[in-house]
N, C-alpha and C. Protein backbone atom coordinates (compact mmCIF):
# COMPACT_ATOMS: atom_id res chain seq x y z
N ILE A 1 69.20 129.55 125.79
CA ILE A 1 69.55 128.39 126.60
C ILE A 1 70.49 127.52 125.77
N GLN A 2 71.61 127.14 126.37
CA GLN A 2 72.59 126.31 125.70
C GLN A 2 72.58 124.94 126.37
N ASP A 3 72.28 123.88 125.61
CA ASP A 3 72.23 122.55 126.21
C ASP A 3 73.13 121.54 125.50
N LYS A 4 74.08 122.03 124.69
CA LYS A 4 74.98 121.14 123.98
C LYS A 4 76.27 120.98 124.78
N ASN A 5 76.69 119.72 125.00
CA ASN A 5 77.93 119.46 125.74
C ASN A 5 79.14 120.03 125.03
N SER A 6 79.08 120.13 123.70
CA SER A 6 80.24 120.58 122.93
C SER A 6 80.41 122.10 122.92
N PHE A 7 79.42 122.85 123.44
CA PHE A 7 79.49 124.31 123.42
C PHE A 7 80.66 124.78 124.27
N LYS A 8 81.48 125.68 123.70
CA LYS A 8 82.64 126.20 124.43
C LYS A 8 82.43 127.68 124.72
N LEU A 9 82.73 128.06 125.95
CA LEU A 9 82.64 129.46 126.34
C LEU A 9 83.78 130.24 125.72
N LYS A 10 83.51 131.53 125.42
CA LYS A 10 84.54 132.42 124.92
C LYS A 10 84.77 133.52 125.95
N ASN A 11 85.92 134.12 125.90
CA ASN A 11 86.24 135.22 126.81
C ASN A 11 85.17 136.31 126.68
N GLY A 12 84.61 136.73 127.79
CA GLY A 12 83.59 137.78 127.77
C GLY A 12 82.17 137.26 127.78
N ASP A 13 81.96 135.95 127.57
CA ASP A 13 80.61 135.39 127.64
C ASP A 13 80.04 135.58 129.04
N ILE A 14 78.75 135.84 129.10
CA ILE A 14 78.06 135.99 130.39
C ILE A 14 77.21 134.75 130.61
N ILE A 15 77.35 134.16 131.79
CA ILE A 15 76.62 132.95 132.13
C ILE A 15 75.48 133.30 133.07
N SER A 16 74.29 132.83 132.73
CA SER A 16 73.12 133.01 133.58
C SER A 16 72.54 131.63 133.84
N ILE A 17 72.36 131.27 135.11
CA ILE A 17 71.86 129.95 135.46
C ILE A 17 70.45 130.10 136.00
N ALA A 18 69.50 129.52 135.28
CA ALA A 18 68.10 129.55 135.73
C ALA A 18 67.87 128.39 136.67
N SER A 19 67.01 128.58 137.65
CA SER A 19 66.70 127.47 138.55
C SER A 19 65.88 126.43 137.80
N LEU A 20 66.17 125.17 138.08
CA LEU A 20 65.43 124.08 137.42
C LEU A 20 64.00 124.05 137.91
N LYS A 21 63.08 123.84 136.97
CA LYS A 21 61.69 123.62 137.37
C LYS A 21 61.60 122.25 138.02
N LEU A 22 60.66 122.10 138.93
CA LEU A 22 60.39 120.75 139.41
C LEU A 22 59.97 119.91 138.22
N CYS A 23 60.46 118.68 138.17
CA CYS A 23 60.21 117.86 136.99
C CYS A 23 58.75 117.45 136.84
N ASN A 24 57.92 117.70 137.85
CA ASN A 24 56.50 117.41 137.65
C ASN A 24 55.75 118.64 137.14
N GLU A 25 56.49 119.72 136.83
CA GLU A 25 55.87 120.93 136.29
C GLU A 25 56.20 121.14 134.81
N ILE A 26 57.03 120.28 134.23
CA ILE A 26 57.43 120.47 132.84
C ILE A 26 56.48 119.72 131.91
N LYS A 27 56.54 120.07 130.63
CA LYS A 27 55.64 119.45 129.65
C LYS A 27 56.45 118.57 128.70
N PRO A 28 55.82 117.52 128.14
CA PRO A 28 56.54 116.67 127.18
C PRO A 28 56.96 117.48 125.95
N GLN A 29 58.10 117.10 125.34
CA GLN A 29 58.56 117.78 124.13
C GLN A 29 57.70 117.41 122.93
N PHE A 30 57.22 116.15 122.89
CA PHE A 30 56.43 115.66 121.77
C PHE A 30 55.18 114.96 122.29
N GLU A 31 54.18 114.85 121.42
CA GLU A 31 52.94 114.16 121.80
C GLU A 31 53.23 112.68 122.03
N VAL A 32 52.71 112.15 123.12
CA VAL A 32 52.93 110.75 123.49
C VAL A 32 51.74 109.92 123.00
N ASP A 33 52.02 108.94 122.12
CA ASP A 33 50.95 108.10 121.58
C ASP A 33 51.22 106.62 121.83
N PHE A 34 51.86 106.32 122.94
CA PHE A 34 52.18 104.93 123.30
C PHE A 34 52.06 104.78 124.81
N ASP A 35 52.12 103.53 125.27
CA ASP A 35 52.11 103.28 126.71
C ASP A 35 53.28 102.36 127.05
N ILE A 36 53.67 102.35 128.31
CA ILE A 36 54.79 101.54 128.78
C ILE A 36 54.31 100.75 130.00
N ASP A 37 54.66 99.47 130.05
CA ASP A 37 54.28 98.64 131.19
C ASP A 37 55.13 98.99 132.42
N VAL A 38 54.47 99.13 133.55
CA VAL A 38 55.15 99.36 134.83
C VAL A 38 55.36 98.00 135.48
N LEU A 39 56.63 97.62 135.70
CA LEU A 39 56.94 96.33 136.31
C LEU A 39 56.89 96.40 137.83
N TYR A 40 57.26 97.57 138.38
CA TYR A 40 57.28 97.75 139.84
C TYR A 40 57.17 99.24 140.12
N GLU A 41 56.48 99.57 141.23
CA GLU A 41 56.40 100.97 141.64
C GLU A 41 56.23 101.06 143.14
N ASP A 42 56.96 101.99 143.76
CA ASP A 42 56.70 102.38 145.15
C ASP A 42 56.86 103.89 145.24
N GLU A 43 56.93 104.42 146.45
CA GLU A 43 56.97 105.89 146.59
C GLU A 43 58.29 106.50 146.12
N ASP A 44 59.33 105.68 145.94
CA ASP A 44 60.65 106.19 145.59
C ASP A 44 61.08 105.92 144.15
N LEU A 45 60.59 104.84 143.57
CA LEU A 45 61.10 104.48 142.25
C LEU A 45 60.06 103.74 141.42
N LEU A 46 60.38 103.67 140.14
CA LEU A 46 59.60 102.92 139.15
C LEU A 46 60.56 101.99 138.42
N VAL A 47 60.08 100.82 138.03
CA VAL A 47 60.81 99.98 137.09
C VAL A 47 59.88 99.79 135.90
N LEU A 48 60.32 100.27 134.74
CA LEU A 48 59.51 100.20 133.53
C LEU A 48 60.06 99.14 132.58
N ASN A 49 59.19 98.55 131.78
CA ASN A 49 59.59 97.61 130.74
C ASN A 49 59.72 98.40 129.44
N LYS A 50 60.91 98.96 129.20
CA LYS A 50 61.12 99.79 128.02
C LYS A 50 61.04 98.95 126.76
N PRO A 51 60.16 99.32 125.82
CA PRO A 51 60.11 98.58 124.56
C PRO A 51 61.27 98.99 123.64
N SER A 52 61.56 98.16 122.66
CA SER A 52 62.57 98.55 121.67
C SER A 52 61.98 99.65 120.79
N ASN A 53 62.84 100.32 120.06
CA ASN A 53 62.47 101.42 119.16
C ASN A 53 61.91 102.63 119.92
N LEU A 54 62.40 102.83 121.14
CA LEU A 54 62.00 103.99 121.93
C LEU A 54 63.24 104.63 122.51
N VAL A 55 63.44 105.90 122.21
CA VAL A 55 64.57 106.66 122.76
C VAL A 55 64.22 107.02 124.20
N VAL A 56 65.21 106.97 125.07
CA VAL A 56 64.98 107.20 126.49
C VAL A 56 64.80 108.68 126.81
N HIS A 57 65.67 109.54 126.26
CA HIS A 57 65.56 110.98 126.55
C HIS A 57 65.82 111.80 125.29
N GLY A 58 65.40 113.03 125.32
CA GLY A 58 65.53 113.92 124.17
C GLY A 58 66.96 114.31 123.86
N ALA A 59 67.16 114.72 122.62
CA ALA A 59 68.43 115.27 122.12
C ALA A 59 68.08 116.05 120.86
N SER A 60 69.03 116.80 120.34
CA SER A 60 68.74 117.61 119.15
C SER A 60 68.32 116.75 117.95
N SER A 61 68.78 115.51 117.90
CA SER A 61 68.46 114.63 116.77
C SER A 61 67.15 113.86 116.96
N VAL A 62 66.55 113.92 118.14
CA VAL A 62 65.33 113.15 118.44
C VAL A 62 64.10 113.93 118.02
N LYS A 63 63.27 113.32 117.19
CA LYS A 63 62.08 113.99 116.63
C LYS A 63 60.77 113.36 117.08
N ASN A 64 60.80 112.40 118.00
CA ASN A 64 59.59 111.73 118.48
C ASN A 64 59.59 111.70 120.00
N ALA A 65 58.43 111.37 120.56
CA ALA A 65 58.30 111.29 122.02
C ALA A 65 59.25 110.24 122.59
N THR A 66 59.75 110.51 123.77
CA THR A 66 60.72 109.65 124.44
C THR A 66 60.10 109.03 125.69
N LEU A 67 60.86 108.16 126.34
CA LEU A 67 60.42 107.59 127.60
C LEU A 67 60.20 108.69 128.64
N VAL A 68 61.09 109.68 128.67
CA VAL A 68 60.92 110.81 129.61
C VAL A 68 59.65 111.58 129.29
N ASP A 69 59.33 111.78 128.02
CA ASP A 69 58.06 112.43 127.65
C ASP A 69 56.88 111.65 128.22
N TRP A 70 56.94 110.30 128.15
CA TRP A 70 55.87 109.47 128.68
C TRP A 70 55.73 109.68 130.19
N LEU A 71 56.86 109.71 130.90
CA LEU A 71 56.84 109.92 132.36
C LEU A 71 56.19 111.26 132.70
N ILE A 72 56.55 112.29 131.94
CA ILE A 72 56.00 113.63 132.18
C ILE A 72 54.50 113.66 131.87
N GLU A 73 54.13 113.04 130.76
CA GLU A 73 52.72 112.96 130.37
C GLU A 73 51.87 112.28 131.45
N LYS A 74 52.45 111.25 132.10
CA LYS A 74 51.74 110.52 133.15
C LYS A 74 51.79 111.23 134.50
N LYS A 75 52.44 112.40 134.54
CA LYS A 75 52.47 113.25 135.74
C LYS A 75 53.21 112.62 136.93
N TYR A 76 54.23 111.82 136.64
CA TYR A 76 55.06 111.30 137.72
C TYR A 76 55.92 112.41 138.30
N THR A 77 56.11 112.40 139.61
CA THR A 77 57.10 113.27 140.24
C THR A 77 58.44 112.58 140.03
N LEU A 78 59.43 113.32 139.53
CA LEU A 78 60.70 112.72 139.12
C LEU A 78 61.88 113.47 139.71
N SER A 79 62.99 112.77 139.91
CA SER A 79 64.22 113.43 140.34
C SER A 79 64.67 114.39 139.24
N ASN A 80 65.41 115.42 139.64
CA ASN A 80 65.92 116.36 138.64
C ASN A 80 67.44 116.43 138.65
N LEU A 81 68.11 115.41 139.19
CA LEU A 81 69.58 115.41 139.22
C LEU A 81 70.17 115.43 137.82
N GLY A 82 69.48 114.83 136.85
CA GLY A 82 69.97 114.81 135.47
C GLY A 82 69.43 115.95 134.63
N GLY A 83 68.70 116.89 135.24
CA GLY A 83 68.09 117.99 134.50
C GLY A 83 66.76 117.56 133.90
N GLU A 84 66.08 118.51 133.28
CA GLU A 84 64.75 118.23 132.72
C GLU A 84 64.78 117.16 131.64
N ILE A 85 65.79 117.20 130.79
CA ILE A 85 65.82 116.29 129.64
C ILE A 85 66.02 114.84 130.06
N ARG A 86 66.64 114.63 131.24
CA ARG A 86 66.87 113.27 131.75
C ARG A 86 66.11 113.04 133.06
N ALA A 87 64.99 113.70 133.22
CA ALA A 87 64.21 113.64 134.47
C ALA A 87 63.96 112.20 134.90
N GLY A 88 64.40 111.87 136.11
CA GLY A 88 64.15 110.55 136.69
C GLY A 88 65.09 109.44 136.26
N LEU A 89 65.87 109.65 135.20
CA LEU A 89 66.68 108.56 134.65
C LEU A 89 67.91 108.27 135.52
N VAL A 90 68.00 107.05 136.01
CA VAL A 90 69.17 106.60 136.76
C VAL A 90 70.21 106.05 135.80
N HIS A 91 69.76 105.41 134.75
CA HIS A 91 70.63 104.87 133.69
C HIS A 91 69.81 104.93 132.41
N ARG A 92 70.39 104.49 131.30
CA ARG A 92 69.64 104.52 130.05
C ARG A 92 69.79 103.19 129.33
N LEU A 93 68.94 102.98 128.38
CA LEU A 93 69.03 101.84 127.47
C LEU A 93 68.99 102.39 126.05
N ASP A 94 69.75 101.79 125.15
CA ASP A 94 69.75 102.23 123.76
C ASP A 94 68.36 102.12 123.15
N LYS A 95 68.13 102.88 122.11
CA LYS A 95 66.83 102.91 121.43
C LYS A 95 66.33 101.51 121.08
N ASP A 96 67.18 100.67 120.52
CA ASP A 96 66.76 99.36 120.05
C ASP A 96 66.73 98.29 121.14
N THR A 97 67.15 98.65 122.35
CA THR A 97 67.19 97.70 123.46
C THR A 97 65.89 97.75 124.25
N SER A 98 65.33 96.58 124.53
CA SER A 98 64.16 96.51 125.41
C SER A 98 64.61 95.95 126.75
N GLY A 99 63.85 96.28 127.81
CA GLY A 99 64.19 95.73 129.11
C GLY A 99 63.84 96.65 130.26
N ALA A 100 64.19 96.21 131.46
CA ALA A 100 63.86 96.95 132.68
C ALA A 100 64.74 98.18 132.81
N ILE A 101 64.11 99.31 133.11
CA ILE A 101 64.84 100.56 133.31
C ILE A 101 64.36 101.20 134.61
N LEU A 102 65.31 101.68 135.41
CA LEU A 102 65.02 102.28 136.72
C LEU A 102 64.74 103.76 136.59
N ILE A 103 63.70 104.22 137.26
CA ILE A 103 63.33 105.64 137.28
C ILE A 103 63.25 106.08 138.74
N ALA A 104 63.95 107.15 139.09
CA ALA A 104 63.92 107.69 140.46
C ALA A 104 62.87 108.78 140.57
N LYS A 105 62.06 108.69 141.61
CA LYS A 105 61.02 109.69 141.83
C LYS A 105 61.50 110.86 142.67
N ASN A 106 62.68 110.74 143.26
CA ASN A 106 63.21 111.84 144.07
C ASN A 106 64.73 111.82 144.01
N ASN A 107 65.35 112.92 144.39
CA ASN A 107 66.80 113.05 144.26
C ASN A 107 67.57 112.13 145.21
N PHE A 108 67.04 111.88 146.40
CA PHE A 108 67.72 110.98 147.34
C PHE A 108 67.83 109.58 146.74
N THR A 109 66.72 109.06 146.23
CA THR A 109 66.71 107.73 145.61
C THR A 109 67.63 107.69 144.40
N HIS A 110 67.59 108.74 143.57
CA HIS A 110 68.45 108.82 142.39
C HIS A 110 69.92 108.71 142.80
N GLN A 111 70.31 109.49 143.82
CA GLN A 111 71.70 109.49 144.28
C GLN A 111 72.11 108.10 144.78
N LYS A 112 71.26 107.47 145.58
CA LYS A 112 71.59 106.15 146.14
C LYS A 112 71.68 105.08 145.05
N LEU A 113 70.76 105.10 144.10
CA LEU A 113 70.82 104.12 143.00
C LEU A 113 72.04 104.35 142.12
N SER A 114 72.39 105.61 141.88
CA SER A 114 73.59 105.93 141.09
C SER A 114 74.84 105.43 141.79
N GLU A 115 74.88 105.58 143.11
CA GLU A 115 76.03 105.08 143.88
C GLU A 115 76.14 103.57 143.78
N GLN A 116 75.00 102.87 143.82
CA GLN A 116 75.01 101.41 143.71
C GLN A 116 75.50 100.96 142.33
N LEU A 117 75.12 101.68 141.28
CA LEU A 117 75.65 101.36 139.95
C LEU A 117 77.15 101.62 139.89
N ALA A 118 77.58 102.73 140.49
CA ALA A 118 79.00 103.10 140.44
C ALA A 118 79.87 102.12 141.23
N ASP A 119 79.41 101.69 142.41
CA ASP A 119 80.24 100.78 143.22
C ASP A 119 79.99 99.30 142.90
N LYS A 120 79.16 99.05 141.89
CA LYS A 120 78.89 97.70 141.37
C LYS A 120 78.11 96.82 142.36
N SER A 121 77.49 97.41 143.40
CA SER A 121 76.64 96.61 144.27
C SER A 121 75.30 96.31 143.59
N MET A 122 75.01 97.04 142.52
CA MET A 122 73.87 96.73 141.65
C MET A 122 74.42 96.63 140.24
N GLY A 123 73.97 95.65 139.49
CA GLY A 123 74.49 95.50 138.14
C GLY A 123 73.38 95.31 137.13
N ARG A 124 73.78 95.14 135.89
CA ARG A 124 72.83 94.93 134.79
C ARG A 124 73.25 93.71 134.00
N ILE A 125 72.27 92.90 133.67
CA ILE A 125 72.49 91.73 132.81
C ILE A 125 71.66 91.93 131.55
N TYR A 126 72.27 91.71 130.41
CA TYR A 126 71.58 91.82 129.13
C TYR A 126 71.47 90.44 128.51
N LEU A 127 70.36 90.18 127.83
CA LEU A 127 70.20 88.98 127.02
C LEU A 127 70.19 89.40 125.56
N ALA A 128 70.88 88.62 124.73
CA ALA A 128 70.93 88.96 123.31
C ALA A 128 70.96 87.68 122.48
N LEU A 129 70.32 87.76 121.32
CA LEU A 129 70.40 86.68 120.34
C LEU A 129 71.48 87.05 119.33
N ILE A 130 72.43 86.16 119.14
CA ILE A 130 73.48 86.43 118.16
C ILE A 130 73.50 85.29 117.14
N ASP A 131 73.93 85.62 115.93
CA ASP A 131 73.90 84.60 114.87
C ASP A 131 75.23 83.89 114.70
N LEU A 132 76.22 84.24 115.51
CA LEU A 132 77.49 83.51 115.53
C LEU A 132 77.73 83.06 116.97
N PRO A 133 78.12 81.82 117.19
CA PRO A 133 78.34 81.37 118.57
C PRO A 133 79.57 82.04 119.18
N LEU A 134 79.55 82.17 120.50
CA LEU A 134 80.75 82.64 121.20
C LEU A 134 81.84 81.58 121.02
N LYS A 135 83.10 82.01 121.01
CA LYS A 135 84.20 81.06 120.81
C LYS A 135 84.30 80.08 121.98
N GLU A 136 83.94 80.55 123.18
CA GLU A 136 83.91 79.70 124.37
C GLU A 136 82.58 79.94 125.07
N ASP A 137 82.20 79.02 125.97
CA ASP A 137 80.92 79.18 126.67
C ASP A 137 80.91 80.39 127.59
N LYS A 138 82.07 80.79 128.07
CA LYS A 138 82.16 81.98 128.93
C LYS A 138 83.44 82.73 128.55
N ILE A 139 83.28 84.01 128.23
CA ILE A 139 84.47 84.82 127.90
C ILE A 139 84.38 86.18 128.60
N ILE A 140 85.53 86.70 128.93
CA ILE A 140 85.62 88.06 129.49
C ILE A 140 86.44 88.89 128.51
N VAL A 141 85.90 90.02 128.13
CA VAL A 141 86.57 90.92 127.18
C VAL A 141 86.88 92.22 127.90
N GLU A 142 88.14 92.61 127.86
CA GLU A 142 88.54 93.91 128.41
C GLU A 142 89.35 94.64 127.35
N LYS A 143 88.67 95.53 126.64
CA LYS A 143 89.30 96.31 125.57
C LYS A 143 88.82 97.74 125.66
N PHE A 144 89.62 98.63 125.13
CA PHE A 144 89.26 100.04 125.11
C PHE A 144 88.28 100.32 123.97
N LEU A 145 87.36 101.24 124.21
CA LEU A 145 86.40 101.63 123.18
C LEU A 145 86.64 103.07 122.76
N MET A 146 86.45 103.32 121.47
CA MET A 146 86.56 104.69 120.95
C MET A 146 85.64 104.82 119.74
N ARG A 147 85.39 106.06 119.33
CA ARG A 147 84.58 106.28 118.13
C ARG A 147 85.28 105.72 116.91
N SER A 148 84.49 105.15 116.02
CA SER A 148 85.04 104.64 114.77
C SER A 148 85.50 105.83 113.91
N PRO A 149 86.70 105.77 113.35
CA PRO A 149 87.17 106.86 112.48
C PRO A 149 86.30 107.02 111.23
N SER A 150 85.64 105.94 110.79
CA SER A 150 84.84 106.01 109.57
C SER A 150 83.36 106.30 109.82
N ASN A 151 82.91 106.19 111.09
CA ASN A 151 81.51 106.43 111.41
C ASN A 151 81.42 106.91 112.86
N ALA A 152 81.17 108.20 113.05
CA ALA A 152 81.20 108.81 114.38
C ALA A 152 80.15 108.25 115.32
N ILE A 153 79.12 107.60 114.79
CA ILE A 153 78.06 107.05 115.64
C ILE A 153 78.49 105.71 116.25
N LYS A 154 79.35 104.96 115.55
CA LYS A 154 79.75 103.63 116.00
C LYS A 154 80.96 103.69 116.92
N LYS A 155 81.06 102.65 117.77
CA LYS A 155 82.23 102.47 118.63
C LYS A 155 83.00 101.25 118.16
N ILE A 156 84.31 101.30 118.33
CA ILE A 156 85.15 100.15 118.00
C ILE A 156 85.99 99.79 119.22
N ALA A 157 86.37 98.51 119.31
CA ALA A 157 87.21 98.02 120.41
C ALA A 157 88.66 97.99 119.94
N ILE A 158 89.55 98.48 120.79
CA ILE A 158 90.98 98.47 120.48
C ILE A 158 91.74 97.90 121.69
N ASP A 159 92.93 97.35 121.42
CA ASP A 159 93.71 96.72 122.49
C ASP A 159 94.51 97.72 123.32
N LYS A 160 94.97 98.80 122.69
CA LYS A 160 95.83 99.75 123.41
C LYS A 160 95.09 101.06 123.64
N GLU A 161 95.31 101.62 124.81
CA GLU A 161 94.67 102.88 125.18
C GLU A 161 95.24 104.03 124.37
N ASN A 162 94.39 104.99 124.02
CA ASN A 162 94.86 106.25 123.45
C ASN A 162 94.04 107.38 124.06
N LYS A 163 94.31 108.62 123.65
CA LYS A 163 93.65 109.76 124.29
C LYS A 163 92.15 109.83 123.99
N PHE A 164 91.68 109.08 123.00
CA PHE A 164 90.26 109.09 122.63
C PHE A 164 89.49 107.89 123.19
N SER A 165 90.18 106.96 123.82
CA SER A 165 89.53 105.70 124.23
C SER A 165 89.16 105.69 125.71
N LYS A 166 88.23 104.78 126.03
CA LYS A 166 87.83 104.54 127.42
C LYS A 166 87.86 103.04 127.67
N ASN A 167 88.33 102.66 128.87
CA ASN A 167 88.39 101.25 129.22
C ASN A 167 86.98 100.67 129.33
N ALA A 168 86.81 99.43 128.88
CA ALA A 168 85.52 98.75 128.98
C ALA A 168 85.75 97.27 129.25
N LYS A 169 84.90 96.70 130.11
CA LYS A 169 85.03 95.28 130.46
C LYS A 169 83.64 94.64 130.42
N SER A 170 83.56 93.48 129.74
CA SER A 170 82.30 92.75 129.59
C SER A 170 82.54 91.26 129.81
N ALA A 171 81.50 90.56 130.29
CA ALA A 171 81.53 89.10 130.37
C ALA A 171 80.36 88.57 129.56
N PHE A 172 80.60 87.52 128.78
CA PHE A 172 79.57 86.90 127.94
C PHE A 172 79.48 85.41 128.26
N ILE A 173 78.24 84.92 128.38
CA ILE A 173 78.01 83.50 128.68
C ILE A 173 76.97 82.95 127.72
N ASN A 174 77.28 81.80 127.12
CA ASN A 174 76.29 81.10 126.30
C ASN A 174 75.19 80.58 127.21
N VAL A 175 73.93 80.84 126.87
CA VAL A 175 72.80 80.33 127.65
C VAL A 175 72.17 79.14 126.92
N VAL A 176 71.79 79.36 125.66
CA VAL A 176 71.20 78.30 124.83
C VAL A 176 71.73 78.46 123.41
N LYS A 177 72.11 77.33 122.80
CA LYS A 177 72.56 77.36 121.41
C LYS A 177 71.62 76.53 120.55
N THR A 178 71.33 77.05 119.36
CA THR A 178 70.64 76.26 118.35
C THR A 178 71.59 76.17 117.16
N GLU A 179 71.11 75.62 116.08
CA GLU A 179 71.98 75.49 114.90
C GLU A 179 72.40 76.86 114.36
N ASN A 180 71.49 77.84 114.41
CA ASN A 180 71.77 79.13 113.79
C ASN A 180 71.93 80.30 114.76
N LEU A 181 71.42 80.15 115.99
CA LEU A 181 71.40 81.27 116.92
C LEU A 181 71.93 80.87 118.29
N THR A 182 72.44 81.86 119.01
CA THR A 182 72.86 81.66 120.39
C THR A 182 72.20 82.72 121.25
N LEU A 183 71.55 82.28 122.33
CA LEU A 183 71.07 83.22 123.34
C LEU A 183 72.18 83.35 124.36
N MET A 184 72.67 84.57 124.52
CA MET A 184 73.77 84.77 125.46
C MET A 184 73.40 85.84 126.48
N ALA A 185 74.04 85.76 127.63
CA ALA A 185 73.89 86.77 128.68
C ALA A 185 75.16 87.61 128.70
N ALA A 186 74.99 88.91 128.86
CA ALA A 186 76.14 89.82 128.92
C ALA A 186 76.08 90.61 130.22
N LYS A 187 77.20 90.62 130.94
CA LYS A 187 77.33 91.43 132.16
C LYS A 187 78.34 92.51 131.86
N LEU A 188 77.95 93.76 132.10
CA LEU A 188 78.85 94.89 131.85
C LEU A 188 79.45 95.35 133.17
N PHE A 189 80.77 95.42 133.21
CA PHE A 189 81.46 95.96 134.39
C PHE A 189 81.67 97.46 134.25
N THR A 190 81.55 97.94 133.02
CA THR A 190 81.58 99.38 132.73
C THR A 190 80.35 99.66 131.87
N GLY A 191 79.92 100.88 131.82
CA GLY A 191 78.71 101.20 131.06
C GLY A 191 78.98 102.12 129.90
N ARG A 192 79.67 101.62 128.90
CA ARG A 192 80.01 102.43 127.73
C ARG A 192 78.95 102.28 126.64
N THR A 193 78.76 103.34 125.86
CA THR A 193 77.83 103.30 124.74
C THR A 193 78.25 102.22 123.74
N HIS A 194 77.30 101.39 123.32
CA HIS A 194 77.51 100.33 122.33
C HIS A 194 78.57 99.32 122.77
N GLN A 195 78.75 99.15 124.08
CA GLN A 195 79.80 98.27 124.59
C GLN A 195 79.63 96.82 124.15
N ILE A 196 78.42 96.29 124.23
CA ILE A 196 78.21 94.89 123.87
C ILE A 196 78.54 94.66 122.40
N ARG A 197 78.01 95.52 121.54
CA ARG A 197 78.26 95.36 120.09
C ARG A 197 79.75 95.46 119.78
N ALA A 198 80.42 96.42 120.40
CA ALA A 198 81.85 96.61 120.11
C ALA A 198 82.68 95.45 120.63
N HIS A 199 82.32 94.88 121.78
CA HIS A 199 83.10 93.78 122.36
C HIS A 199 82.83 92.44 121.70
N LEU A 200 81.69 92.31 121.01
CA LEU A 200 81.44 91.06 120.29
C LEU A 200 82.16 91.08 118.95
């Protein structure tokens, strides 16, 4: 089974596609030793309060139980549009980010929620504490993001587009300022990895 996005086919390779198991028939990759608060649940979706220091879905570098492992352990029926590794996930949150995350229990709901994220009829607001104040109380940043040449894990913001960059747009608003910290709200118009950090 090949699950790496970077894998390239060669001439003569034979492709075999196995049917996906229903996501309520799969087993967690790792033992789950934590719990997650359910903020809302109905027959179509879940809203979970994802804690910080929890990876949302598995990858080759992930060595501990994920949010998806927790969902599988709890025997939720989940959409399979994202495959087994992303079962139920409509969007994701970074490991260190806490907050509400949407989980689809069926493919119809997953598709509709994904469309709402894509057409911006549903959005996401992030709250963050920063140790430097914003230059203005409200700013909009529209810069291209690309991998840092010195660190492949980090993203950097650049002014001009190139073949490695993707457009990103964010809005930041000061909510509360103290002498040393600012609580700010961030609205993302695009959903790029590390977008908030790169745009600040």
